[in-house]
PDB file of N, CA and C in Angstrom:
ATOM      1  N   MET A   1     -40.966-135.417-113.275  1.00  0.00           N
ATOM      2  CA  MET A   1     -39.787-136.107-112.837  1.00  0.00           C
ATOM      3  C   MET A   1     -40.102-136.859-111.552  1.00  0.00           C
ATOM      4  N   LYS A   2     -39.763-138.142-111.523  1.00  0.00           N
ATOM      5  CA  LYS A   2     -40.013-138.966-110.349  1.00  0.00           C
ATOM      6  C   LYS A   2     -38.693-139.253-109.656  1.00  0.00           C
ATOM      7  N   LEU A   3     -38.714-139.125-108.342  1.00  0.00           N
ATOM      8  CA  LEU A   3     -37.533-139.449-107.544  1.00  0.00           C
ATOM      9  C   LEU A   3     -37.819-140.700-106.731  1.00  0.00           C
ATOM     10  N   SER A   4     -36.859-141.543-106.637  1.00  0.00           N
ATOM     11  CA  SER A   4     -37.017-142.737-105.811  1.00  0.00           C
ATOM     12  C   SER A   4     -36.920-142.350-104.339  1.00  0.00           C
ATOM     13  N   ILE A   5     -37.368-143.233-103.496  1.00  0.00           N
ATOM     14  CA  ILE A   5     -37.275-142.992-102.049  1.00  0.00           C
ATOM     15  C   ILE A   5     -35.820-142.838-101.637  1.00  0.00           C
ATOM     16  N   ALA A   6     -34.940-143.625-102.214  1.00  0.00           N
ATOM     17  CA  ALA A   6     -33.513-143.531-101.891  1.00  0.00           C
ATOM     18  C   ALA A   6     -32.951-142.170-102.271  1.00  0.00           C
ATOM     19  N   ALA A   7     -33.380-141.639-103.421  1.00  0.00           N
ATOM     20  CA  ALA A   7     -32.896-140.328-103.858  1.00  0.00           C
ATOM     21  C   ALA A   7     -33.391-139.232-102.925  1.00  0.00           C
ATOM     22  N   ILE A   8     -34.641-139.324-102.506  1.00  0.00           N
ATOM     23  CA  ILE A   8     -35.197-138.327-101.581  1.00  0.00           C
ATOM     24  C   ILE A   8     -34.460-138.401-100.240  1.00  0.00           C
ATOM     25  N   ALA A   9     -34.224-139.616 -99.758  1.00  0.00           N
ATOM     26  CA  ALA A   9     -33.499-139.782 -98.494  1.00  0.00           C
ATOM     27  C   ALA A   9     -32.099-139.201 -98.586  1.00  0.00           C
ATOM     28  N   ALA A  10     -31.443-139.409 -99.715  1.00  0.00           N
ATOM     29  CA  ALA A  10     -30.089-138.872 -99.895  1.00  0.00           C
ATOM     30  C   ALA A  10     -30.090-137.351 -99.904  1.00  0.00           C
ATOM     31  N   LEU A  11     -31.139-136.759-100.463  1.00  0.00           N
ATOM     32  CA  LEU A  11     -31.235-135.301-100.493  1.00  0.00           C
ATOM     33  C   LEU A  11     -31.518-134.720 -99.113  1.00  0.00           C
ATOM     34  N   LEU A  12     -32.305-135.427 -98.317  1.00  0.00           N
ATOM     35  CA  LEU A  12     -32.691-134.923 -96.997  1.00  0.00           C
ATOM     36  C   LEU A  12     -31.676-135.237 -95.906  1.00  0.00           C
ATOM     37  N   ALA A  13     -30.816-136.201 -96.104  1.00  0.00           N
ATOM     38  CA  ALA A  13     -29.874-136.632 -95.063  1.00  0.00           C
ATOM     39  C   ALA A  13     -29.039-135.497 -94.494  1.00  0.00           C
ATOM     40  N   PRO A  14     -28.453-134.600 -95.308  1.00  0.00           N
ATOM     41  CA  PRO A  14     -27.662-133.513 -94.718  1.00  0.00           C
ATOM     42  C   PRO A  14     -28.480-132.609 -93.799  1.00  0.00           C
ATOM     43  N   ALA A  15     -29.741-132.366 -94.143  1.00  0.00           N
ATOM     44  CA  ALA A  15     -30.585-131.514 -93.302  1.00  0.00           C
ATOM     45  C   ALA A  15     -30.882-132.193 -91.974  1.00  0.00           C
ATOM     46  N   VAL A  16     -31.126-133.486 -92.007  1.00  0.00           N
ATOM     47  CA  VAL A  16     -31.403-134.228 -90.779  1.00  0.00           C
ATOM     48  C   VAL A  16     -30.157-134.277 -89.908  1.00  0.00           C
ATOM     49  N   LEU A  17     -29.007-134.561 -90.512  1.00  0.00           N
ATOM     50  CA  LEU A  17     -27.764-134.628 -89.741  1.00  0.00           C
ATOM     51  C   LEU A  17     -27.407-133.285 -89.133  1.00  0.00           C
ATOM     52  N   ALA A  18     -27.712-132.206 -89.810  1.00  0.00           N
ATOM     53  CA  ALA A  18     -27.400-130.875 -89.289  1.00  0.00           C
ATOM     54  C   ALA A  18     -28.192-130.573 -88.030  1.00  0.00           C
ATOM     55  N   GLN A  19     -29.341-131.228 -87.851  1.00  0.00           N
ATOM     56  CA  GLN A  19     -30.177-130.986 -86.682  1.00  0.00           C
ATOM     57  C   GLN A  19     -29.844-131.926 -85.531  1.00  0.00           C
ATOM     58  N   THR A  20     -29.026-132.933 -85.765  1.00  0.00           N
ATOM     59  CA  THR A  20     -28.676-133.886 -84.725  1.00  0.00           C
ATOM     60  C   THR A  20     -27.750-133.224 -83.713  1.00  0.00           C
ATOM     61  N   PRO A  21     -28.134-133.221 -82.417  1.00  0.00           N
ATOM     62  CA  PRO A  21     -27.269-132.586 -81.422  1.00  0.00           C
ATOM     63  C   PRO A  21     -25.956-133.346 -81.270  1.00  0.00           C
ATOM     64  N   LEU A  22     -24.901-132.615 -81.037  1.00  0.00           N
ATOM     65  CA  LEU A  22     -23.596-133.234 -80.828  1.00  0.00           C
ATOM     66  C   LEU A  22     -23.530-133.824 -79.431  1.00  0.00           C
ATOM     67  N   THR A  23     -22.934-134.969 -79.324  1.00  0.00           N
ATOM     68  CA  THR A  23     -22.745-135.597 -78.015  1.00  0.00           C
ATOM     69  C   THR A  23     -21.258-135.815 -77.784  1.00  0.00           C
ATOM     70  N   ASP A  24     -20.484-134.832 -78.145  1.00  0.00           N
ATOM     71  CA  ASP A  24     -19.032-134.929 -78.040  1.00  0.00           C
ATOM     72  C   ASP A  24     -18.549-133.714 -77.270  1.00  0.00           C
ATOM     73  N   PRO A  25     -18.063-133.867 -76.076  1.00  0.00           N
ATOM     74  CA  PRO A  25     -17.739-135.104 -75.376  1.00  0.00           C
ATOM     75  C   PRO A  25     -18.971-135.692 -74.678  1.00  0.00           C
ATOM     76  N   SER A  26     -18.836-136.913 -74.205  1.00  0.00           N
ATOM     77  CA  SER A  26     -19.934-137.540 -73.478  1.00  0.00           C
ATOM     78  C   SER A  26     -19.390-138.279 -72.257  1.00  0.00           C
ATOM     79  N   ILE A  27     -20.253-138.355 -71.241  1.00  0.00           N
ATOM     80  CA  ILE A  27     -19.914-139.108 -70.032  1.00  0.00           C
ATOM     81  C   ILE A  27     -21.116-139.968 -69.698  1.00  0.00           C
ATOM     82  N   ASN A  28     -20.875-141.231 -69.422  1.00  0.00           N
ATOM     83  CA  ASN A  28     -21.965-142.160 -69.135  1.00  0.00           C
ATOM     84  C   ASN A  28     -22.436-142.001 -67.696  1.00  0.00           C
ATOM     85  N   THR A  29     -23.727-142.264 -67.483  1.00  0.00           N
ATOM     86  CA  THR A  29     -24.304-142.188 -66.152  1.00  0.00           C
ATOM     87  C   THR A  29     -24.042-143.498 -65.419  1.00  0.00           C
ATOM     88  N   PRO A  30     -23.322-143.447 -64.284  1.00  0.00           N
ATOM     89  CA  PRO A  30     -23.089-144.691 -63.542  1.00  0.00           C
ATOM     90  C   PRO A  30     -24.401-145.228 -62.972  1.00  0.00           C
ATOM     91  N   VAL A  31     -24.497-146.552 -62.879  1.00  0.00           N
ATOM     92  CA  VAL A  31     -25.731-147.189 -62.417  1.00  0.00           C
ATOM     93  C   VAL A  31     -25.935-146.974 -60.923  1.00  0.00           C
ATOM     94  N   ASP A  32     -24.947-147.289 -60.119  1.00  0.00           N
ATOM     95  CA  ASP A  32     -25.050-147.127 -58.667  1.00  0.00           C
ATOM     96  C   ASP A  32     -23.848-146.346 -58.168  1.00  0.00           C
ATOM     97  N   VAL A  33     -24.128-145.279 -57.439  1.00  0.00           N
ATOM     98  CA  VAL A  33     -23.062-144.519 -56.794  1.00  0.00           C
ATOM     99  C   VAL A  33     -23.331-144.616 -55.298  1.00  0.00           C
ATOM    100  N   VAL A  34     -22.440-145.297 -54.588  1.00  0.00           N
ATOM    101  CA  VAL A  34     -22.623-145.568 -53.164  1.00  0.00           C
ATOM    102  C   VAL A  34     -21.559-144.816 -52.378  1.00  0.00           C
ATOM    103  N   GLU A  35     -22.021-144.110 -51.351  1.00  0.00           N
ATOM    104  CA  GLU A  35     -21.150-143.323 -50.481  1.00  0.00           C
ATOM    105  C   GLU A  35     -19.947-144.147 -50.009  1.00  0.00           C
ATOM    106  N   CYS A  36     -18.744-143.588 -50.212  1.00  0.00           N
ATOM    107  CA  CYS A  36     -17.460-144.174 -49.809  1.00  0.00           C
ATOM    108  C   CYS A  36     -17.114-145.482 -50.527  1.00  0.00           C
ATOM    109  N   GLN A  37     -17.749-145.722 -51.660  1.00  0.00           N
ATOM    110  CA  GLN A  37     -17.424-146.884 -52.486  1.00  0.00           C
ATOM    111  C   GLN A  37     -16.897-146.401 -53.833  1.00  0.00           C
ATOM    112  N   PRO A  38     -16.007-147.167 -54.483  1.00  0.00           N
ATOM    113  CA  PRO A  38     -15.500-146.757 -55.792  1.00  0.00           C
ATOM    114  C   PRO A  38     -16.586-146.817 -56.864  1.00  0.00           C
ATOM    115  N   THR A  39     -16.570-145.834 -57.743  1.00  0.00           N
ATOM    116  CA  THR A  39     -17.495-145.746 -58.873  1.00  0.00           C
ATOM    117  C   THR A  39     -16.674-145.581 -60.141  1.00  0.00           C
ATOM    118  N   ASP A  40     -16.944-146.419 -61.128  1.00  0.00           N
ATOM    119  CA  ASP A  40     -16.255-146.310 -62.412  1.00  0.00           C
ATOM    120  C   ASP A  40     -17.016-145.350 -63.317  1.00  0.00           C
ATOM    121  N   LEU A  41     -16.313-144.351 -63.823  1.00  0.00           N
ATOM    122  CA  LEU A  41     -16.881-143.385 -64.761  1.00  0.00           C
ATOM    123  C   LEU A  41     -16.257-143.627 -66.125  1.00  0.00           C
ATOM    124  N   THR A  42     -17.087-143.725 -67.148  1.00  0.00           N
ATOM    125  CA  THR A  42     -16.588-143.899 -68.512  1.00  0.00           C
ATOM    126  C   THR A  42     -17.018-142.710 -69.348  1.00  0.00           C
ATOM    127  N   PHE A  43     -16.137-142.292 -70.239  1.00  0.00           N
ATOM    128  CA  PHE A  43     -16.377-141.070 -71.006  1.00  0.00           C
ATOM    129  C   PHE A  43     -15.533-141.088 -72.263  1.00  0.00           C
ATOM    130  N   GLY A  44     -15.794-140.145 -73.134  1.00  0.00           N
ATOM    131  CA  GLY A  44     -15.004-140.059 -74.355  1.00  0.00           C
ATOM    132  C   GLY A  44     -15.340-138.825 -75.152  1.00  0.00           C
ATOM    133  N   GLY A  45     -14.587-138.647 -76.205  1.00  0.00           N
ATOM    134  CA  GLY A  45     -14.771-137.517 -77.094  1.00  0.00           C
ATOM    135  C   GLY A  45     -13.585-137.410 -78.025  1.00  0.00           C
ATOM    136  N   THR A  46     -13.632-136.431 -78.892  1.00  0.00           N
ATOM    137  CA  THR A  46     -12.593-136.303 -79.914  1.00  0.00           C
ATOM    138  C   THR A  46     -11.518-135.288 -79.572  1.00  0.00           C
ATOM    139  N   ALA A  47     -11.639-134.585 -78.425  1.00  0.00           N
ATOM    140  CA  ALA A  47     -10.659-133.550 -78.085  1.00  0.00           C
ATOM    141  C   ALA A  47     -10.167-133.686 -76.648  1.00  0.00           C
ATOM    142  N   PRO A  48      -9.409-134.756 -76.344  1.00  0.00           N
ATOM    143  CA  PRO A  48      -8.844-134.868 -75.001  1.00  0.00           C
ATOM    144  C   PRO A  48      -7.739-133.839 -74.808  1.00  0.00           C
ATOM    145  N   PRO A  49      -7.306-133.572 -73.598  1.00  0.00           N
ATOM    146  CA  PRO A  49      -7.731-134.217 -72.359  1.00  0.00           C
ATOM    147  C   PRO A  49      -9.076-133.664 -71.890  1.00  0.00           C
ATOM    148  N   PHE A  50      -9.695-134.402 -70.962  1.00  0.00           N
ATOM    149  CA  PHE A  50     -11.007-134.053 -70.436  1.00  0.00           C
ATOM    150  C   PHE A  50     -10.892-133.706 -68.959  1.00  0.00           C
ATOM    151  N   ILE A  51     -11.675-132.729 -68.527  1.00  0.00           N
ATOM    152  CA  ILE A  51     -11.783-132.398 -67.106  1.00  0.00           C
ATOM    153  C   ILE A  51     -13.119-132.959 -66.637  1.00  0.00           C
ATOM    154  N   ILE A  52     -13.080-133.790 -65.614  1.00  0.00           N
ATOM    155  CA  ILE A  52     -14.281-134.420 -65.076  1.00  0.00           C
ATOM    156  C   ILE A  52     -14.621-133.747 -63.749  1.00  0.00           C
ATOM    157  N   SER A  53     -15.862-133.269 -63.636  1.00  0.00           N
ATOM    158  CA  SER A  53     -16.316-132.596 -62.417  1.00  0.00           C
ATOM    159  C   SER A  53     -17.651-133.170 -61.979  1.00  0.00           C
ATOM    160  N   ILE A  54     -17.981-132.902 -60.727  1.00  0.00           N
ATOM    161  CA  ILE A  54     -19.278-133.281 -60.174  1.00  0.00           C
ATOM    162  C   ILE A  54     -19.977-131.988 -59.799  1.00  0.00           C
ATOM    163  N   ILE A  55     -21.185-131.803 -60.329  1.00  0.00           N
ATOM    164  CA  ILE A  55     -21.951-130.588 -60.058  1.00  0.00           C
ATOM    165  C   ILE A  55     -23.264-130.972 -59.381  1.00  0.00           C
ATOM    166  N   PRO A  56     -23.945-130.002 -58.747  1.00  0.00           N
ATOM    167  CA  PRO A  56     -25.260-130.305 -58.183  1.00  0.00           C
ATOM    168  C   PRO A  56     -26.180-130.856 -59.276  1.00  0.00           C
ATOM    169  N   GLY A  57     -26.988-131.841 -58.931  1.00  0.00           N
ATOM    170  CA  GLY A  57     -27.829-132.541 -59.895  1.00  0.00           C
ATOM    171  C   GLY A  57     -28.645-131.635 -60.797  1.00  0.00           C
ATOM    172  N   GLY A  58     -28.419-131.750 -62.100  1.00  0.00           N
ATOM    173  CA  GLY A  58     -29.190-131.031 -63.100  1.00  0.00           C
ATOM    174  C   GLY A  58     -28.906-129.551 -63.206  1.00  0.00           C
ATOM    175  N   GLN A  59     -27.855-129.061 -62.581  1.00  0.00           N
ATOM    176  CA  GLN A  59     -27.574-127.625 -62.565  1.00  0.00           C
ATOM    177  C   GLN A  59     -26.368-127.289 -63.437  1.00  0.00           C
ATOM    178  N   ALA A  60     -26.540-127.429 -64.738  1.00  0.00           N
ATOM    179  CA  ALA A  60     -25.465-127.077 -65.672  1.00  0.00           C
ATOM    180  C   ALA A  60     -25.039-125.640 -65.418  1.00  0.00           C
ATOM    181  N   GLY A  61     -23.758-125.402 -65.358  1.00  0.00           N
ATOM    182  CA  GLY A  61     -23.234-124.066 -65.100  1.00  0.00           C
ATOM    183  C   GLY A  61     -22.970-123.780 -63.633  1.00  0.00           C
ATOM    184  N   ALA A  62     -23.422-124.677 -62.748  1.00  0.00           N
ATOM    185  CA  ALA A  62     -23.173-124.487 -61.312  1.00  0.00           C
ATOM    186  C   ALA A  62     -21.702-124.759 -61.004  1.00  0.00           C
ATOM    187  N   ALA A  63     -21.235-124.165 -59.920  1.00  0.00           N
ATOM    188  CA  ALA A  63     -19.865-124.428 -59.463  1.00  0.00           C
ATOM    189  C   ALA A  63     -19.750-125.904 -59.089  1.00  0.00           C
ATOM    190  N   PRO A  64     -18.643-126.536 -59.438  1.00  0.00           N
ATOM    191  CA  PRO A  64     -18.481-127.956 -59.115  1.00  0.00           C
ATOM    192  C   PRO A  64     -18.442-128.211 -57.611  1.00  0.00           C
ATOM    193  N   LEU A  65     -19.061-129.307 -57.203  1.00  0.00           N
ATOM    194  CA  LEU A  65     -18.910-129.784 -55.831  1.00  0.00           C
ATOM    195  C   LEU A  65     -17.505-130.352 -55.667  1.00  0.00           C
ATOM    196  N   GLU A  66     -17.003-130.919 -56.770  1.00  0.00           N
ATOM    197  CA  GLU A  66     -15.670-131.510 -56.771  1.00  0.00           C
ATOM    198  C   GLU A  66     -15.199-131.642 -58.217  1.00  0.00           C
ATOM    199  N   THR A  67     -13.919-131.393 -58.439  1.00  0.00           N
ATOM    200  CA  THR A  67     -13.305-131.641 -59.742  1.00  0.00           C
ATOM    201  C   THR A  67     -12.393-132.841 -59.585  1.00  0.00           C
ATOM    202  N   LEU A  68     -12.629-133.860 -60.404  1.00  0.00           N
ATOM    203  CA  LEU A  68     -11.886-135.112 -60.278  1.00  0.00           C
ATOM    204  C   LEU A  68     -10.553-135.077 -60.997  1.00  0.00           C
ATOM    205  N   GLY A  69     -10.340-134.057 -61.803  1.00  0.00           N
ATOM    206  CA  GLY A  69      -9.057-133.919 -62.470  1.00  0.00           C
ATOM    207  C   GLY A  69      -9.154-134.062 -63.971  1.00  0.00           C
ATOM    208  N   THR A  70      -7.983-134.143 -64.584  1.00  0.00           N
ATOM    209  CA  THR A  70      -7.858-134.219 -66.036  1.00  0.00           C
ATOM    210  C   THR A  70      -7.479-135.633 -66.439  1.00  0.00           C
ATOM    211  N   SER A  71      -8.106-136.115 -67.503  1.00  0.00           N
ATOM    212  CA  SER A  71      -7.839-137.464 -67.988  1.00  0.00           C
ATOM    213  C   SER A  71      -7.993-137.502 -69.501  1.00  0.00           C
ATOM    214  N   SER A  72      -7.246-138.359 -70.141  1.00  0.00           N
ATOM    215  CA  SER A  72      -7.411-138.582 -71.576  1.00  0.00           C
ATOM    216  C   SER A  72      -8.407-139.698 -71.851  1.00  0.00           C
ATOM    217  N   GLY A  73      -8.941-140.307 -70.785  1.00  0.00           N
ATOM    218  CA  GLY A  73      -9.983-141.312 -70.917  1.00  0.00           C
ATOM    219  C   GLY A  73      -9.433-142.690 -71.189  1.00  0.00           C
ATOM    220  N   PRO A  74     -10.264-143.665 -71.347  1.00  0.00           N
ATOM    221  CA  PRO A  74     -11.714-143.569 -71.440  1.00  0.00           C
ATOM    222  C   PRO A  74     -12.440-143.784 -70.117  1.00  0.00           C
ATOM    223  N   SER A  75     -11.700-143.875 -68.995  1.00  0.00           N
ATOM    224  CA  SER A  75     -12.382-144.103 -67.722  1.00  0.00           C
ATOM    225  C   SER A  75     -11.527-143.624 -66.562  1.00  0.00           C
ATOM    226  N   LEU A  76     -12.190-143.496 -65.421  1.00  0.00           N
ATOM    227  CA  LEU A  76     -11.500-143.249 -64.158  1.00  0.00           C
ATOM    228  C   LEU A  76     -12.377-143.774 -63.043  1.00  0.00           C
ATOM    229  N   THR A  77     -11.760-144.011 -61.897  1.00  0.00           N
ATOM    230  CA  THR A  77     -12.493-144.500 -60.733  1.00  0.00           C
ATOM    231  C   THR A  77     -12.490-143.412 -59.675  1.00  0.00           C
ATOM    232  N   TRP A  78     -13.664-143.159 -59.110  1.00  0.00           N
ATOM    233  CA  TRP A  78     -13.840-142.136 -58.083  1.00  0.00           C
ATOM    234  C   TRP A  78     -14.466-142.788 -56.857  1.00  0.00           C
ATOM    235  N   VAL A  79     -13.918-142.501 -55.684  1.00  0.00           N
ATOM    236  CA  VAL A  79     -14.542-142.940 -54.433  1.00  0.00           C
ATOM    237  C   VAL A  79     -15.552-141.863 -54.061  1.00  0.00           C
ATOM    238  N   ALA A  80     -16.811-142.249 -53.982  1.00  0.00           N
ATOM    239  CA  ALA A  80     -17.919-141.307 -53.777  1.00  0.00           C
ATOM    240  C   ALA A  80     -17.846-140.686 -52.386  1.00  0.00           C
ATOM    241  N   ASN A  81     -17.219-139.513 -52.304  1.00  0.00           N
ATOM    242  CA  ASN A  81     -17.006-138.836 -51.022  1.00  0.00           C
ATOM    243  C   ASN A  81     -18.007-137.710 -50.789  1.00  0.00           C
ATOM    244  N   ILE A  82     -19.196-137.880 -51.320  1.00  0.00           N
ATOM    245  CA  ILE A  82     -20.283-136.910 -51.166  1.00  0.00           C
ATOM    246  C   ILE A  82     -21.393-137.589 -50.365  1.00  0.00           C
ATOM    247  N   THR A  83     -22.037-136.839 -49.491  1.00  0.00           N
ATOM    248  CA  THR A  83     -23.053-137.355 -48.575  1.00  0.00           C
ATOM    249  C   THR A  83     -24.186-138.076 -49.299  1.00  0.00           C
ATOM    250  N   ALA A  84     -24.597-139.222 -48.746  1.00  0.00           N
ATOM    251  CA  ALA A  84     -25.729-139.979 -49.283  1.00  0.00           C
ATOM    252  C   ALA A  84     -26.964-139.086 -49.352  1.00  0.00           C
ATOM    253  N   GLY A  85     -27.758-139.284 -50.393  1.00  0.00           N
ATOM    254  CA  GLY A  85     -28.965-138.493 -50.605  1.00  0.00           C
ATOM    255  C   GLY A  85     -28.749-137.287 -51.504  1.00  0.00           C
ATOM    256  N   THR A  86     -27.497-136.913 -51.736  1.00  0.00           N
ATOM    257  CA  THR A  86     -27.183-135.773 -52.595  1.00  0.00           C
ATOM    258  C   THR A  86     -27.394-136.158 -54.056  1.00  0.00           C
ATOM    259  N   LYS A  87     -28.062-135.289 -54.804  1.00  0.00           N
ATOM    260  CA  LYS A  87     -28.246-135.498 -56.243  1.00  0.00           C
ATOM    261  C   LYS A  87     -27.110-134.789 -56.976  1.00  0.00           C
ATOM    262  N   VAL A  88     -26.438-135.525 -57.863  1.00  0.00           N
ATOM    263  CA  VAL A  88     -25.301-134.973 -58.593  1.00  0.00           C
ATOM    264  C   VAL A  88     -25.428-135.271 -60.085  1.00  0.00           C
ATOM    265  N   THR A  89     -24.689-134.503 -60.863  1.00  0.00           N
ATOM    266  CA  THR A  89     -24.521-134.732 -62.294  1.00  0.00           C
ATOM    267  C   THR A  89     -23.026-134.736 -62.565  1.00  0.00           C
ATOM    268  N   PHE A  90     -22.576-135.648 -63.400  1.00  0.00           N
ATOM    269  CA  PHE A  90     -21.170-135.691 -63.792  1.00  0.00           C
ATOM    270  C   PHE A  90     -21.011-134.849 -65.052  1.00  0.00           C
ATOM    271  N   GLU A  91     -20.004-133.988 -65.038  1.00  0.00           N
ATOM    272  CA  GLU A  91     -19.752-133.063 -66.145  1.00  0.00           C
ATOM    273  C   GLU A  91     -18.404-133.395 -66.775  1.00  0.00           C
ATOM    274  N   ILE A  92     -18.337-133.340 -68.094  1.00  0.00           N
ATOM    275  CA  ILE A  92     -17.081-133.514 -68.818  1.00  0.00           C
ATOM    276  C   ILE A  92     -16.856-132.274 -69.678  1.00  0.00           C
ATOM    277  N   ARG A  93     -15.630-131.759 -69.636  1.00  0.00           N
ATOM    278  CA  ARG A  93     -15.235-130.608 -70.462  1.00  0.00           C
ATOM    279  C   ARG A  93     -14.024-131.040 -71.274  1.00  0.00           C
ATOM    280  N   ASP A  94     -14.089-130.838 -72.599  1.00  0.00           N
ATOM    281  CA  ASP A  94     -12.956-131.250 -73.429  1.00  0.00           C
ATOM    282  C   ASP A  94     -11.980-130.101 -73.635  1.00  0.00           C
ATOM    283  N   ALA A  95     -10.909-130.363 -74.376  1.00  0.00           N
ATOM    284  CA  ALA A  95      -9.848-129.376 -74.599  1.00  0.00           C
ATOM    285  C   ALA A  95     -10.332-128.153 -75.369  1.00  0.00           C
ATOM    286  N   GLN A  96     -11.480-128.273 -76.049  1.00  0.00           N
ATOM    287  CA  GLN A  96     -12.050-127.145 -76.788  1.00  0.00           C
ATOM    288  C   GLN A  96     -13.100-126.397 -75.970  1.00  0.00           C
ATOM    289  N   GLY A  97     -13.316-126.816 -74.718  1.00  0.00           N
ATOM    290  CA  GLY A  97     -14.278-126.152 -73.848  1.00  0.00           C
ATOM    291  C   GLY A  97     -15.700-126.655 -73.987  1.00  0.00           C
ATOM    292  N   ARG A  98     -15.922-127.669 -74.814  1.00  0.00           N
ATOM    293  CA  ARG A  98     -17.269-128.220 -74.980  1.00  0.00           C
ATOM    294  C   ARG A  98     -17.621-129.064 -73.760  1.00  0.00           C
ATOM    295  N   LEU A  99     -18.907-129.067 -73.414  1.00  0.00           N
ATOM    296  CA  LEU A  99     -19.385-129.761 -72.224  1.00  0.00           C
ATOM    297  C   LEU A  99     -20.300-130.920 -72.570  1.00  0.00           C
ATOM    298  N   GLY A 100     -20.304-131.915 -71.696  1.00  0.00           N
ATOM    299  CA  GLY A 100     -21.263-133.008 -71.742  1.00  0.00           C
ATOM    300  C   GLY A 100     -21.670-133.329 -70.311  1.00  0.00           C
ATOM    301  N   PHE A 101     -22.844-133.912 -70.144  1.00  0.00           N
ATOM    302  CA  PHE A 101     -23.368-134.173 -68.809  1.00  0.00           C
ATOM    303  C   PHE A 101     -23.983-135.560 -68.729  1.00  0.00           C
ATOM    304  N   SER A 102     -23.895-136.159 -67.547  1.00  0.00           N
ATOM    305  CA  SER A 102     -24.613-137.403 -67.281  1.00  0.00           C
ATOM    306  C   SER A 102     -26.040-137.034 -66.886  1.00  0.00           C
ATOM    307  N   ALA A 103     -26.842-138.055 -66.675  1.00  0.00           N
ATOM    308  CA  ALA A 103     -28.151-137.846 -66.061  1.00  0.00           C
ATOM    309  C   ALA A 103     -27.927-137.590 -64.564  1.00  0.00           C
ATOM    310  N   ILE A 104     -28.961-137.174 -63.879  1.00  0.00           N
ATOM    311  CA  ILE A 104     -28.873-136.942 -62.430  1.00  0.00           C
ATOM    312  C   ILE A 104     -28.774-138.285 -61.708  1.00  0.00           C
ATOM    313  N   VAL A 105     -27.887-138.339 -60.724  1.00  0.00           N
ATOM    314  CA  VAL A 105     -27.661-139.544 -59.924  1.00  0.00           C
ATOM    315  C   VAL A 105     -27.802-139.160 -58.454  1.00  0.00           C
ATOM    316  N   THR A 106     -28.454-140.012 -57.671  1.00  0.00           N
ATOM    317  CA  THR A 106     -28.538-139.803 -56.224  1.00  0.00           C
ATOM    318  C   THR A 106     -27.515-140.705 -55.542  1.00  0.00           C
ATOM    319  N   ILE A 107     -26.677-140.101 -54.695  1.00  0.00           N
ATOM    320  CA  ILE A 107     -25.680-140.874 -53.951  1.00  0.00           C
ATOM    321  C   ILE A 107     -26.420-141.760 -52.948  1.00  0.00           C
ATOM    322  N   GLN A 108     -26.139-143.058 -52.992  1.00  0.00           N
ATOM    323  CA  GLN A 108     -26.785-144.028 -52.102  1.00  0.00           C
ATOM    324  C   GLN A 108     -25.977-144.181 -50.810  1.00  0.00           C
ATOM    325  N   ALA A 109     -26.664-144.543 -49.727  1.00  0.00           N
ATOM    326  CA  ALA A 109     -25.990-144.759 -48.442  1.00  0.00           C
ATOM    327  C   ALA A 109     -25.100-145.994 -48.520  1.00  0.00           C
ATOM    328  N   GLY A 110     -23.928-145.880 -47.914  1.00  0.00           N
ATOM    329  CA  GLY A 110     -22.995-147.004 -47.846  1.00  0.00           C
ATOM    330  C   GLY A 110     -22.850-147.475 -46.417  1.00  0.00           C
ATOM    331  N   THR A 111     -21.866-148.300 -46.176  1.00  0.00           N
ATOM    332  CA  THR A 111     -21.636-148.826 -44.829  1.00  0.00           C
ATOM    333  C   THR A 111     -20.685-147.954 -44.024  1.00  0.00           C
ATOM    334  N   SER A 112     -20.099-146.942 -44.678  1.00  0.00           N
ATOM    335  CA  SER A 112     -19.161-146.048 -44.009  1.00  0.00           C
ATOM    336  C   SER A 112     -19.358-144.635 -44.537  1.00  0.00           C
ATOM    337  N   THR A 113     -19.102-143.665 -43.662  1.00  0.00           N
ATOM    338  CA  THR A 113     -19.117-142.261 -44.084  1.00  0.00           C
ATOM    339  C   THR A 113     -17.737-141.638 -43.887  1.00  0.00           C
ATOM    340  N   ALA A 114     -16.737-142.456 -43.626  1.00  0.00           N
ATOM    341  CA  ALA A 114     -15.395-141.972 -43.300  1.00  0.00           C
ATOM    342  C   ALA A 114     -14.770-141.125 -44.404  1.00  0.00           C
ATOM    343  N   CYS A 115     -15.151-141.335 -45.640  1.00  0.00           N
ATOM    344  CA  CYS A 115     -14.522-140.614 -46.755  1.00  0.00           C
ATOM    345  C   CYS A 115     -15.225-139.304 -47.106  1.00  0.00           C
ATOM    346  N   VAL A 116     -16.409-139.073 -46.554  1.00  0.00           N
ATOM    347  CA  VAL A 116     -17.217-137.915 -46.957  1.00  0.00           C
ATOM    348  C   VAL A 116     -16.469-136.617 -46.685  1.00  0.00           C
ATOM    349  N   GLY A 117     -16.413-135.784 -47.704  1.00  0.00           N
ATOM    350  CA  GLY A 117     -15.765-134.485 -47.592  1.00  0.00           C
ATOM    351  C   GLY A 117     -14.261-134.515 -47.747  1.00  0.00           C
ATOM    352  N   LYS A 118     -13.692-135.660 -48.003  1.00  0.00           N
ATOM    353  CA  LYS A 118     -12.229-135.774 -48.116  1.00  0.00           C
ATOM    354  C   LYS A 118     -11.813-135.921 -49.556  1.00  0.00           C
TER     355      LYS A 118
END
């Protein structure tokens, strides 16, 4: 019995899809995060509302440095009130408790530090 390439692909597709990691919810990594400047965060998923937090860079499970609040998405603006040079990761938690993370971002120096810690 000969199977065509299309038939083999159709048979294997469920196995391949089962191994694909879920990216729901997801939060995009902002390009530039500058101290005391607004940063647009974009995110999404299938189970809103979402809780957006900032954690120490790359430390999934760490206590948040700041929780930005709850949103149904798809975006919010945050004024970067964390000291320049700090490495952070943006975390998203959906209504089902699932987590997603951005890549690590380093807060860049701005022209003002008046907002830091506020």
